[in-house]
Structures are given as C-alpha cells and as structure tokens.
Protein backbone atom coordinates (compact mmCIF):
# COMPACT_ATOMS: atom_id res chain seq x y z
CA MET A 1 0.00 0.00 0.00
CA LEU A 2 1.03 3.61 -0.45
CA GLN A 3 2.16 5.56 2.59
CA ALA A 4 3.78 8.97 2.99
CA TYR A 5 6.43 10.02 5.51
CA GLN A 6 6.71 13.77 6.04
CA TYR A 7 9.58 15.64 7.69
CA ALA A 8 10.28 19.31 8.39
CA LEU A 9 13.51 20.50 6.80
CA ASP A 10 16.13 22.65 8.50
CA PRO A 11 17.96 24.13 5.48
CA THR A 12 20.92 26.45 5.51
CA PRO A 13 20.55 29.90 3.85
CA ALA A 14 22.18 28.55 0.68
CA GLN A 15 19.90 25.50 0.66
CA ARG A 16 16.86 27.69 1.28
CA ALA A 17 17.79 29.75 -1.78
CA ALA A 18 18.13 26.54 -3.80
CA LEU A 19 14.70 25.38 -2.59
CA GLU A 20 13.19 28.71 -3.64
CA SER A 21 14.90 28.41 -7.03
CA HIS A 22 13.52 24.91 -7.64
CA ALA A 23 10.00 25.96 -6.63
CA GLY A 24 10.19 29.02 -8.89
CA GLY A 25 11.46 26.92 -11.77
CA ALA A 26 8.61 24.45 -11.38
CA ARG A 27 6.11 27.31 -11.35
CA PHE A 28 7.75 28.82 -14.44
CA ALA A 29 7.57 25.53 -16.36
CA TYR A 30 3.91 25.08 -15.42
CA ASN A 31 2.95 28.61 -16.50
CA THR A 32 5.03 28.44 -19.70
CA MET A 33 3.34 25.30 -20.96
CA LEU A 34 -0.11 26.45 -19.82
CA ARG A 35 0.43 29.66 -21.80
CA ALA A 36 1.37 27.58 -24.84
CA VAL A 37 -1.75 25.42 -24.48
CA LYS A 38 -4.02 28.45 -24.17
CA ALA A 39 -2.38 30.12 -27.19
CA ASN A 40 -2.91 26.96 -29.23
CA LEU A 41 -6.58 26.74 -28.24
CA SER A 42 -7.15 30.43 -28.98
CA GLN A 43 -5.51 30.09 -32.39
CA ARG A 44 -7.71 27.15 -33.31
CA ASP A 45 -10.84 28.98 -32.12
CA ALA A 46 -9.92 32.05 -34.19
CA GLU A 47 -9.31 29.98 -37.31
CA ARG A 48 -12.57 28.14 -36.75
CA SER A 49 -14.43 31.47 -36.54
CA TYR A 50 -12.98 32.40 -39.95
CA GLY A 51 -14.68 29.36 -41.50
CA ILE A 52 -11.56 27.24 -41.89
CA ASP A 53 -12.22 23.50 -42.02
CA THR A 54 -11.28 21.38 -39.05
CA ALA A 55 -8.72 19.44 -41.07
CA ASP A 56 -6.91 22.68 -42.00
CA LEU A 57 -6.73 24.13 -38.49
CA THR A 58 -3.44 24.59 -36.64
CA PRO A 59 -2.43 21.19 -35.24
CA ARG A 60 -3.63 20.65 -31.71
CA LEU A 61 -0.94 20.73 -29.06
CA SER A 62 -0.75 17.36 -27.32
CA TRP A 63 -1.60 17.42 -23.60
CA SER A 64 0.26 14.29 -22.66
CA PHE A 65 2.99 14.50 -20.06
CA GLN A 66 5.78 13.44 -22.39
CA SER A 67 4.70 15.88 -25.12
CA LEU A 68 4.52 18.82 -22.71
CA ARG A 69 7.89 17.87 -21.24
CA ASN A 70 9.55 17.64 -24.66
CA ASP A 71 7.97 20.93 -25.72
CA PHE A 72 9.30 22.70 -22.63
CA ASN A 73 12.78 21.28 -23.21
CA ARG A 74 12.71 22.86 -26.67
CA ARG A 75 11.45 26.21 -25.36
CA LYS A 76 13.63 26.56 -22.25
CA HIS A 77 16.68 27.69 -24.22
CA GLN A 78 14.80 30.82 -25.30
CA VAL A 79 12.47 31.53 -22.35
CA ALA A 80 14.42 30.38 -19.28
CA VAL A 81 17.20 32.96 -19.64
CA ARG A 82 18.21 36.11 -17.81
CA GLU A 83 18.26 39.62 -19.26
CA ASP A 84 21.92 39.25 -20.24
CA GLY A 85 21.09 36.09 -22.18
CA THR A 86 22.60 33.56 -19.77
CA PRO A 87 20.35 30.55 -19.11
CA TRP A 88 19.22 29.89 -15.55
CA TRP A 89 17.41 26.59 -16.09
CA PRO A 90 20.58 24.42 -15.53
CA GLU A 91 20.69 25.60 -11.91
CA ASN A 92 17.72 23.39 -11.00
CA SER A 93 17.03 19.70 -11.33
CA LYS A 94 15.27 18.55 -14.47
CA GLU A 95 12.79 16.71 -12.25
CA ALA A 96 11.33 20.02 -11.02
CA TYR A 97 10.39 20.97 -14.60
CA ALA A 98 9.23 17.46 -15.52
CA ASN A 99 6.86 17.11 -12.57
CA ALA A 100 5.42 20.56 -13.26
CA CYS A 101 4.55 19.40 -16.78
CA LYS A 102 3.10 16.21 -15.30
CA ASN A 103 0.85 18.22 -12.98
CA LEU A 104 -0.33 20.36 -15.89
CA ALA A 105 -1.10 17.26 -17.97
CA ALA A 106 -3.18 15.85 -15.10
CA ALA A 107 -5.04 19.16 -14.64
CA LEU A 108 -5.87 19.38 -18.35
CA LYS A 109 -7.04 15.77 -18.38
CA ASN A 110 -9.31 16.37 -15.37
CA TRP A 111 -10.82 19.44 -17.03
CA ASP A 112 -11.41 17.60 -20.30
CA GLU A 113 -12.97 14.53 -18.66
CA SER A 114 -15.10 16.69 -16.36
CA GLY A 115 -16.54 18.58 -19.32
CA GLN A 116 -17.35 15.31 -21.11
CA GLY A 117 -18.99 13.81 -18.02
CA LYS A 118 -16.37 11.09 -17.65
CA ARG A 119 -15.15 12.32 -14.26
CA GLN A 120 -17.18 12.08 -11.08
CA GLY A 121 -17.33 14.82 -8.51
CA PRO A 122 -17.70 18.58 -8.82
CA ARG A 123 -17.08 20.34 -12.12
CA VAL A 124 -13.38 20.97 -12.73
CA GLY A 125 -12.41 24.32 -14.21
CA PHE A 126 -9.69 25.06 -16.72
CA PRO A 127 -6.23 25.24 -15.11
CA SER A 128 -5.14 28.69 -13.98
CA PHE A 129 -1.70 30.23 -13.80
CA LYS A 130 0.31 29.86 -10.60
CA SER A 131 1.34 33.11 -8.92
CA LYS A 132 4.12 33.78 -6.44
CA ARG A 133 1.50 33.50 -3.71
CA SER A 134 0.64 29.94 -4.76
CA THR A 135 1.98 27.00 -2.78
CA ARG A 136 5.67 26.63 -3.58
CA LYS A 137 6.39 22.99 -4.26
CA PHE A 138 8.23 20.60 -6.56
CA ALA A 139 8.93 16.88 -6.70
CA PHE A 140 11.59 14.31 -7.55
CA THR A 141 10.87 10.86 -8.98
CA THR A 142 14.39 9.86 -10.05
CA GLY A 143 17.89 10.54 -8.85
CA THR A 144 19.42 10.29 -5.40
CA ILE A 145 16.46 10.16 -3.00
CA GLU A 146 17.83 8.70 0.22
CA VAL A 147 17.60 8.80 3.99
CA GLU A 148 20.97 9.18 5.68
CA ALA A 149 22.17 6.61 8.20
CA ASP A 150 22.36 9.16 11.03
CA ARG A 151 18.52 9.42 10.97
CA HIS A 152 18.63 13.23 10.90
CA HIS A 153 19.50 14.01 7.27
CA VAL A 154 17.96 13.31 3.86
CA ARG A 155 19.51 13.52 0.43
CA LEU A 156 17.75 14.92 -2.63
CA PRO A 157 18.92 15.45 -6.24
CA ARG A 158 20.83 18.72 -6.85
CA LEU A 159 20.02 19.87 -3.31
CA GLY A 160 22.40 17.51 -1.59
CA THR A 161 22.13 16.57 2.09
CA LEU A 162 19.56 18.49 4.14
CA ARG A 163 18.98 18.30 7.86
CA VAL A 164 15.50 17.44 9.18
CA HIS A 165 14.01 18.34 12.55
CA GLU A 166 12.46 14.91 13.27
CA SER A 167 14.13 11.52 13.35
CA THR A 168 13.73 9.48 10.17
CA ARG A 169 14.20 6.11 11.89
CA LYS A 170 10.77 4.68 11.00
CA LEU A 171 11.29 5.14 7.27
CA ALA A 172 14.99 4.26 7.47
CA ARG A 173 14.27 0.95 9.19
CA ARG A 174 11.75 -0.03 6.54
CA LEU A 175 14.15 0.88 3.74
CA GLU A 176 16.92 -1.13 5.36
CA GLN A 177 14.64 -4.15 5.86
CA GLY A 178 13.34 -3.95 2.30
CA THR A 179 9.70 -3.47 3.33
CA ALA A 180 9.45 0.00 1.75
CA ARG A 181 10.41 1.54 -1.58
CA VAL A 182 10.48 5.28 -2.30
CA LEU A 183 8.47 6.37 -5.33
CA LYS A 184 8.59 10.14 -5.05
CA ALA A 185 9.85 12.94 -2.83
CA THR A 186 7.73 16.11 -2.75
CA VAL A 187 9.10 19.33 -1.27
CA ARG A 188 6.80 22.21 -0.42
CA CYS A 189 6.78 25.38 1.64
CA GLU A 190 4.00 25.68 4.21
CA ARG A 191 3.87 29.20 5.68
CA GLY A 192 7.62 29.63 5.65
CA CYS A 193 8.45 26.05 6.74
CA TRP A 194 9.92 23.69 4.15
CA LEU A 195 8.64 20.09 4.27
CA VAL A 196 9.66 16.96 2.40
CA SER A 197 7.23 14.08 1.91
CA TYR A 198 8.34 10.62 0.80
CA THR A 199 5.68 8.62 -1.04
CA CYS A 200 6.52 4.95 -0.52
CA VAL A 201 5.19 1.51 -1.30
CA VAL A 202 5.08 -0.18 2.10
CA GLU A 203 4.57 -3.83 3.00
CA ARG A 204 2.83 -4.00 6.36
CA ALA A 205 0.77 -6.66 8.10
CA ALA A 206 -2.82 -5.70 8.92
CA GLN A 207 -2.91 -6.42 12.63
CA ARG A 208 -3.59 -4.76 15.95
CA PRO A 209 -0.58 -4.07 18.21
CA ALA A 210 -0.20 -6.65 20.98
CA HIS A 211 -0.22 -4.07 23.78
CA VAL A 212 -3.60 -2.58 22.75
CA LYS A 213 -6.66 -4.01 24.48
CA ARG A 214 -9.98 -4.20 22.70
CA VAL A 215 -12.58 -1.92 24.27
CA ALA A 216 -15.63 -3.20 22.36
CA SER A 217 -16.34 -5.31 19.31
CA VAL A 218 -18.91 -3.15 17.47
CA VAL A 219 -19.45 0.57 18.08
CA GLY A 220 -21.13 3.46 16.36
CA ILE A 221 -19.41 6.84 16.11
CA ASP A 222 -21.22 10.13 15.75
CA VAL A 223 -19.05 13.13 14.84
CA GLY A 224 -19.86 16.78 15.36
CA VAL A 225 -18.49 20.24 16.08
CA LYS A 226 -19.24 20.26 19.82
CA ASP A 227 -18.28 16.68 20.65
CA LEU A 228 -15.88 15.53 17.98
CA VAL A 229 -16.55 11.85 18.68
CA VAL A 230 -19.30 10.08 20.61
CA ALA A 231 -18.93 6.29 20.56
CA ALA A 232 -21.57 3.85 21.81
CA THR A 233 -22.41 0.17 21.55
CA ALA A 234 -25.56 -1.26 20.04
CA GLU A 235 -26.83 -2.01 23.56
CA GLY A 236 -26.84 1.71 24.38
CA ASP A 237 -23.65 2.00 26.44
CA GLU A 238 -21.54 5.09 25.88
CA VAL A 239 -17.88 4.03 25.66
CA MET A 240 -16.21 7.27 24.61
CA ARG A 241 -16.86 11.00 24.27
CA VAL A 242 -14.18 13.36 22.97
CA CYS A 243 -14.84 17.09 22.94
CA ALA A 244 -13.76 19.04 19.88
CA PRO A 245 -10.42 20.70 20.72
CA LYS A 246 -11.21 23.85 18.66
CA ALA A 247 -7.58 24.80 18.13
CA PHE A 248 -8.40 27.68 15.79
CA GLU A 249 -10.98 29.15 18.15
CA GLN A 250 -8.41 29.15 20.97
CA ALA A 251 -5.85 30.91 18.77
CA SER A 252 -8.30 33.36 17.18
CA ARG A 253 -7.88 35.98 19.90
CA LYS A 254 -4.13 36.22 19.36
CA LEU A 255 -4.60 36.12 15.59
CA ARG A 256 -7.00 39.05 15.72
CA ALA A 257 -4.51 41.07 17.75
CA LEU A 258 -1.70 40.31 15.30
CA GLN A 259 -3.86 41.17 12.30
CA ARG A 260 -4.85 44.50 13.85
CA THR A 261 -1.18 45.22 14.44
CA ALA A 262 -0.36 44.40 10.82
CA ALA A 263 -3.17 46.69 9.61
CA ARG A 264 -1.55 49.66 11.37
CA ARG A 265 1.78 49.13 9.61
CA ARG A 266 2.85 49.75 6.05
CA GLY A 267 2.22 46.71 3.93
CA PRO A 268 2.90 45.98 0.25
CA TRP A 269 -0.18 48.02 -0.77
CA ASP A 270 -0.77 51.71 -0.06
CA ALA A 271 -4.53 52.30 0.19
CA LEU A 272 -4.19 56.09 -0.15
CA SER A 273 -2.09 56.22 -3.30
CA LYS A 274 -3.38 52.82 -4.50
CA THR A 275 0.12 51.72 -5.43
CA ARG A 276 2.43 48.93 -4.39
CA CYS A 277 5.24 49.85 -2.04
CA GLU A 278 7.99 48.25 -0.04
CA PRO A 279 6.50 46.75 3.15
CA SER A 280 7.93 47.82 6.48
CA ALA A 281 10.09 45.53 8.59
CA GLY A 282 7.45 45.55 11.34
CA TRP A 283 4.77 44.41 8.90
CA LEU A 284 6.97 41.53 7.74
CA ARG A 285 7.65 40.44 11.33
CA THR A 286 3.93 40.50 12.10
CA GLN A 287 3.14 38.41 9.03
CA GLN A 288 5.68 35.84 10.17
CA ALA A 289 4.02 35.73 13.59
CA ILE A 290 0.60 35.25 11.96
CA ALA A 291 1.95 32.42 9.79
CA LYS A 292 3.51 30.80 12.85
CA GLN A 293 0.15 30.80 14.63
CA HIS A 294 -1.60 29.19 11.65
CA VAL A 295 1.09 26.50 11.43
CA ARG A 296 0.70 25.79 15.15
CA VAL A 297 -3.09 25.45 14.81
CA ALA A 298 -2.75 23.10 11.84
CA ASN A 299 -0.16 20.97 13.63
CA LEU A 300 -2.29 20.70 16.77
CA ARG A 301 -5.34 19.66 14.77
CA ARG A 302 -3.39 17.12 12.72
CA ASP A 303 -1.70 15.62 15.76
CA ARG A 304 -4.95 15.21 17.71
CA LEU A 305 -6.77 13.68 14.75
CA HIS A 306 -3.97 11.16 14.17
CA LYS A 307 -3.94 10.08 17.80
CA LEU A 308 -7.74 9.81 17.92
CA THR A 309 -8.17 7.83 14.69
CA THR A 310 -5.32 5.48 15.61
CA MET A 311 -6.90 4.77 18.97
CA LEU A 312 -10.32 4.14 17.40
CA ALA A 313 -8.98 1.80 14.71
CA GLN A 314 -7.00 -0.19 17.29
CA SER A 315 -9.66 -0.40 20.01
CA PHE A 316 -12.70 -1.58 18.03
CA ASP A 317 -13.27 -4.37 15.51
CA VAL A 318 -16.22 -2.83 13.65
CA ILE A 319 -16.87 0.93 13.51
CA GLY A 320 -20.13 2.34 12.19
CA THR A 321 -20.06 5.92 10.95
CA GLU A 322 -22.15 8.36 8.97
CA THR A 323 -21.43 9.31 5.37
CA LEU A 324 -20.94 13.06 5.43
CA ALA A 325 -20.16 15.32 2.46
CA VAL A 326 -18.15 17.83 4.46
CA LYS A 327 -17.49 20.07 1.48
CA ASN A 328 -21.22 20.36 0.81
CA MET A 329 -21.90 20.97 4.49
CA MET A 330 -19.63 24.02 4.29
CA ALA A 331 -21.34 25.44 1.21
CA SER A 332 -22.35 29.08 1.19
CA GLY A 333 -25.29 29.93 3.39
CA GLY A 334 -25.04 33.60 4.23
CA SER A 335 -23.48 35.38 7.16
CA HIS A 336 -25.53 33.37 9.69
CA LYS A 337 -23.69 30.18 8.62
CA LYS A 338 -20.11 31.47 8.80
CA GLY A 339 -19.70 30.41 12.41
CA LEU A 340 -20.88 26.85 11.68
CA ASN A 341 -18.62 26.57 8.65
CA ARG A 342 -15.66 27.75 10.70
CA SER A 343 -16.45 25.18 13.42
CA ILE A 344 -16.71 22.36 10.85
CA ALA A 345 -13.34 23.30 9.38
CA ASP A 346 -11.81 23.62 12.85
CA ALA A 347 -13.02 20.13 13.80
CA GLY A 348 -11.42 18.60 10.69
CA LEU A 349 -14.28 16.19 9.94
CA GLY A 350 -13.07 15.47 6.41
CA GLU A 351 -9.54 14.65 7.57
CA PHE A 352 -10.97 12.50 10.36
CA SER A 353 -12.88 10.40 7.84
CA ARG A 354 -9.87 10.08 5.53
CA GLN A 355 -7.56 8.90 8.30
CA LEU A 356 -10.12 6.44 9.68
CA ASP A 357 -10.45 4.87 6.23
CA TYR A 358 -6.87 3.72 5.90
CA LYS A 359 -6.12 3.09 9.58
CA THR A 360 -8.93 0.55 9.83
CA ILE A 361 -7.11 -1.33 7.07
CA TRP A 362 -3.78 -1.02 8.89
CA TYR A 363 -5.10 -2.43 12.16
CA ASN A 364 -7.40 -5.14 10.75
CA SER A 365 -10.67 -3.48 11.70
CA VAL A 366 -13.71 -2.69 9.57
CA ARG A 367 -15.45 0.61 8.96
CA VAL A 368 -19.13 0.48 8.01
CA ARG A 369 -20.57 3.61 6.42
CA ALA A 370 -24.29 4.16 6.85
CA ASP A 371 -26.21 5.30 3.82
CA ARG A 372 -25.97 9.05 3.27
CA TRP A 373 -29.71 9.48 3.77
CA TYR A 374 -29.91 7.28 6.87
CA PRO A 375 -31.46 9.49 9.62
CA SER A 376 -29.18 8.47 12.48
CA SER A 377 -29.98 11.54 14.60
CA LYS A 378 -33.72 11.55 13.88
CA THR A 379 -34.30 7.85 14.59
CA CYS A 380 -35.26 6.88 18.12
CA SER A 381 -32.89 4.27 19.53
CA GLY A 382 -35.68 3.02 21.78
CA CYS A 383 -38.61 2.35 19.47
CA GLY A 384 -37.23 3.09 16.01
CA SER A 385 -39.63 5.90 15.11
CA VAL A 386 -38.25 8.76 13.00
CA LYS A 387 -38.86 12.40 13.81
CA ALA A 388 -39.99 14.60 10.95
CA LYS A 389 -37.72 17.49 11.95
CA LEU A 390 -34.79 17.89 14.29
CA THR A 391 -32.95 21.22 14.40
CA LEU A 392 -29.31 21.61 15.30
CA ALA A 393 -30.29 23.58 18.40
CA GLU A 394 -32.07 20.54 19.90
CA ARG A 395 -29.27 18.78 21.77
CA LEU A 396 -31.70 16.51 23.66
CA TYR A 397 -33.61 13.95 21.62
CA VAL A 398 -37.21 13.54 22.76
CA CYS A 399 -39.16 10.76 21.09
CA ASP A 400 -42.55 11.83 19.67
CA ASN A 401 -44.01 8.36 20.21
CA ASN A 402 -46.24 8.50 23.29
CA ASP A 403 -45.61 4.83 24.03
CA CYS A 404 -41.85 5.44 24.14
CA GLY A 405 -41.11 9.00 25.29
CA LEU A 406 -37.35 8.40 25.29
CA GLN A 407 -35.17 11.36 26.27
CA ILE A 408 -31.49 10.99 25.39
CA ASP A 409 -28.54 13.04 24.21
CA ARG A 410 -28.90 13.38 20.44
CA ASP A 411 -25.27 12.48 19.72
CA LEU A 412 -25.47 9.36 21.89
CA ASN A 413 -28.75 8.42 20.20
CA ALA A 414 -27.13 8.71 16.76
CA ALA A 415 -24.10 6.66 17.86
CA ILE A 416 -26.35 3.84 19.11
CA ASN A 417 -28.24 3.75 15.80
CA LEU A 418 -24.97 3.65 13.84
CA ALA A 419 -23.69 0.80 16.01
CA ARG A 420 -26.82 -1.21 15.25
CA VAL A 421 -26.42 -0.56 11.53
CA ALA A 422 -22.79 -1.72 11.71
CA ARG A 423 -23.73 -4.84 13.69
CA ALA A 424 -26.48 -5.80 11.26
CA GLU A 425 -24.24 -5.22 8.26
CA GLN A 426 -21.39 -7.21 9.75
CA SER A 427 -23.71 -10.09 10.62
CA ALA A 428 -25.06 -10.15 7.08
CA CYS A 429 -21.54 -10.24 5.65
CA PHE A 430 -20.44 -13.12 7.87
CA ASP A 431 -23.61 -15.04 7.07
CA SER A 432 -22.79 -14.72 3.36
CA GLY A 433 -19.30 -16.12 3.90
CA GLY A 434 -17.07 -13.03 3.85
CA ALA A 435 -16.51 -9.69 5.51
CA ASP A 436 -15.56 -7.80 2.37
CA ARG A 437 -18.92 -7.88 0.61
CA LYS A 438 -20.21 -4.49 -0.52
CA THR A 439 -23.87 -3.64 -0.16
CA THR A 440 -26.00 -0.68 -1.17
CA ALA A 441 -28.32 -0.20 1.80
CA PRO A 442 -28.39 0.68 4.54
CA ALA A 443 -24.59 0.65 4.74
CA VAL A 444 -21.43 -0.19 2.84
CA LEU A 445 -18.18 -1.67 4.06
CA VAL A 446 -15.18 0.53 3.41
CA ALA A 447 -12.05 -0.89 1.80
CA ALA A 448 -10.48 2.31 0.51
CA LYS A 449 -6.84 2.97 -0.31
CA PRO A 450 -4.95 5.09 2.22
CA GLU A 451 -4.45 7.97 -0.19
CA SER A 452 -8.02 8.04 -1.51
CA SER A 453 -10.40 10.87 -0.69
CA SER A 454 -14.00 11.59 -1.54
CA GLY A 455 -14.69 14.24 -4.14
CA SER A 456 -18.37 13.57 -4.61
CA ALA A 457 -20.69 16.43 -5.31
CA SER A 458 -23.77 14.55 -4.14
CA PRO A 459 -25.94 16.05 -1.40
CA GLN A 460 -24.55 16.28 2.09
CA GLY A 461 -25.29 13.74 4.77
CA GLU A 462 -27.06 14.47 8.01
CA ALA A 463 -25.00 16.72 10.26
CA ALA A 464 -24.71 15.92 13.93
C-alpha cells in the first residue's frame, strides 16, 4: 500500500535559496506550458471562426505528459534565460520541470474529462496560472532520493544533504529491511516552513498491536463540532466521548490582535495612493508571527486527529459511521452560517474520515458507512420511530411516540443507531461467507486505499 512520511527540513541559507529556485522553476515551467496550451486553443478557435475547415486548423498541441515535457525542453533555451542572455534553467534539477509538466497534464485531463462527463465529482475548471502566492512545491521521482544513516538528514537530487528536525528512523528501518520503496519525494513550503514528503510503497501486516486491548467489538461513532466523537455500543452503552479541541478558536484571539497590528503598519499596498510599495520591517515580522500561529493550529489539529483515529482503529473491531459530504456541508449559506462553517473546518471532519479509512485497514478493523440518507440523529434508539424534523439547536432527543417518550442526548442516540447498523451489516456479511462484501443499503463496508479521498458532489449527509 502507499504511505507517505513527512519531515520538516532545517535548510541552511544557501539551501533555502536553492529550494526557492527549484520551486520558482517548477512554477515557471507550469505557467510556460499552460500559456502555450491556451495560445494553441485560442488560435484554433480564431481559425474556426474564420470558417476554416477542421482538417486545415493549426495542429492541436498534445496534452500528454511526455509531449509537454519535450515541448518545454525545446522552449527553455529561449524563455528560461536572464536579461543578459545567460540561461538559468541548468541551476535546477530537471525533475522540477518534468513534474510541473506532469501536474499540468493531469489538470488538463481532469478538465477535459469533467466537461465530457467522464469524471465524477464537482465540475473541474480550466487550469489557472500559478502566482508567487501559490503554494511553492516541486517533486523528484528519479535521482538520489535517500535517507541518511544518522537518521537526521535526507539527500535529494541537486540539493544535496539536508537536515531534518524529526528523526527518520521509522522510514529508514523499513528501507533497510526492504519493506518500503520510495516512489517520489515532494518538497513544499508551508507558511515559511519547508517540508519533504516521501511517497513509498510499504509492506505492512494488517494487525492490531499486541499491547492494545480491545474496548468493544462493534461501536457506532457520531461526529460533530461540539463533541468531535461520541462512541456507543448497540446495547446503548456510551464508551467514549471526545470534545472538539477547537484549536483555531483558541488561537483566534491572538490572531485578531496580530492582524490589527499588521493593519496599522505599512504593507505591500498603499490604500491612499493605490500603489504597491515596499513593506515595512514591522509588517513583515507581524506576518511571520501570523503564519507561525496558523502552522501551530494546523499541527495541533493534525496531531490530535492522528492520535484519535489510531486509537479508534486499534480499540474496536467494527466501527459504524455516517457518510458526510463535508465540502457540501460548508457550502455558502449567508453570514448566519459562517460560524458553523468555521467550526466544521476547525473540527477537521473530512480529515478525520480520511484517516479512519486507511487506519482501519492497517489495524485489521472494519469501517461500516451508513447510507448518506440514513437518519441516524432523527431515529429513536428506543422504538425506532423517525422524527420529521430535528434542528441543530435541539441537543436533547425527545421521542414523539407517546408509548416510548425516550429522552437521550442526540449524539449518543445517533451513535447507538450507527452501532446497530454496523452490527447488522457485519452479521449479514459473515452469514454470506465473507466480511468484504459491498452492499448498497443501509450501509457499505469501506475498503479504501490510504491515499483516496472523496470528491463527490452529491448532497450532504445528516450533520450531527
């Protein structure tokens, strides 16, 4: 299976300049070939408007990776030069330019297939040019991509040996044992911090660690923005409740103060003269402090989600969850919905689902997704009746059935219903002779690849 190992780099000033040069070269190659593709399409459209036959039009520029790469190699001698005529493209690795062309070929293919209806998910627009404010990144697929024996350095083509902040022992041990093979190394800059990510093919046994004790066999998990996870068994016992950490909300006060400070200083844009100017040193320092806060929030969220999903995948055999379209849940809804959208993003529900998908495979557990339209929160866990309407403000579920009258926390009620769905689905699969059978209703068993993610544009699931 595919697995990525990411490390924070600690480059020297000379290495940082080389990283910037490689990222700029990759952006230049991407924009150069995109400009050539757009010019070719515009030329063909103009000739077509003049009444020229299709057979006599300017030949269409191929969008394949190899064609774009060869075309850039022919153009770079004229376009990738300085004002004095000296070429600058030899200063960077050829892999930076090649992978930029590969990314453009994939973007053009996605746009073409989306327009023809061959690609699922939301409509993909035509690729746009990358600016200096875009994410600076590049990749290597060939050359010297190694992890040094001292566990604190990595080696990349043309960049040489770079120090990393974390120990690389986990990846180094797998490479030494022959249970991992590096496919690609991607370098990117995230708010001033350079990161390297190794994409590897890893051989690993799907098993639970020996020191981890099983808490329950089958549970249902309801996720939300107040309580990130509420886990319960099908019998109605609550086994876990984890409050949403809300890392961004905790850091928002300091971020607001820093942004007010930056607004009082001279930035790159003068509002009075409406011209660009040289930003002040104080403004630059404040921007670095703002970026540092955002990196800290992202790291806290990522760390907590990894620890939580690992614990869930190791502690339970079968996990029943909802099927939520988080992107659709955060669709525009006016100013009254901004706070909810911010809370959903702060909770990281989409990343939680992605991590749970592949970690259940790692630790030999099963995730059962309820049908998107299954009303887990509206269904009474006592009698099974379904409420017609349940607002988000109602945190206590009260059954409308006079014979039942159950009163229970709505998140716990949803978790119990999801546990029963998972138990019924798992029983049906074992009765049929296998636990990997896919069904359509009311749930499906998940057997997704670790790197896969949902891009469906179908309606959102029920929010907790």
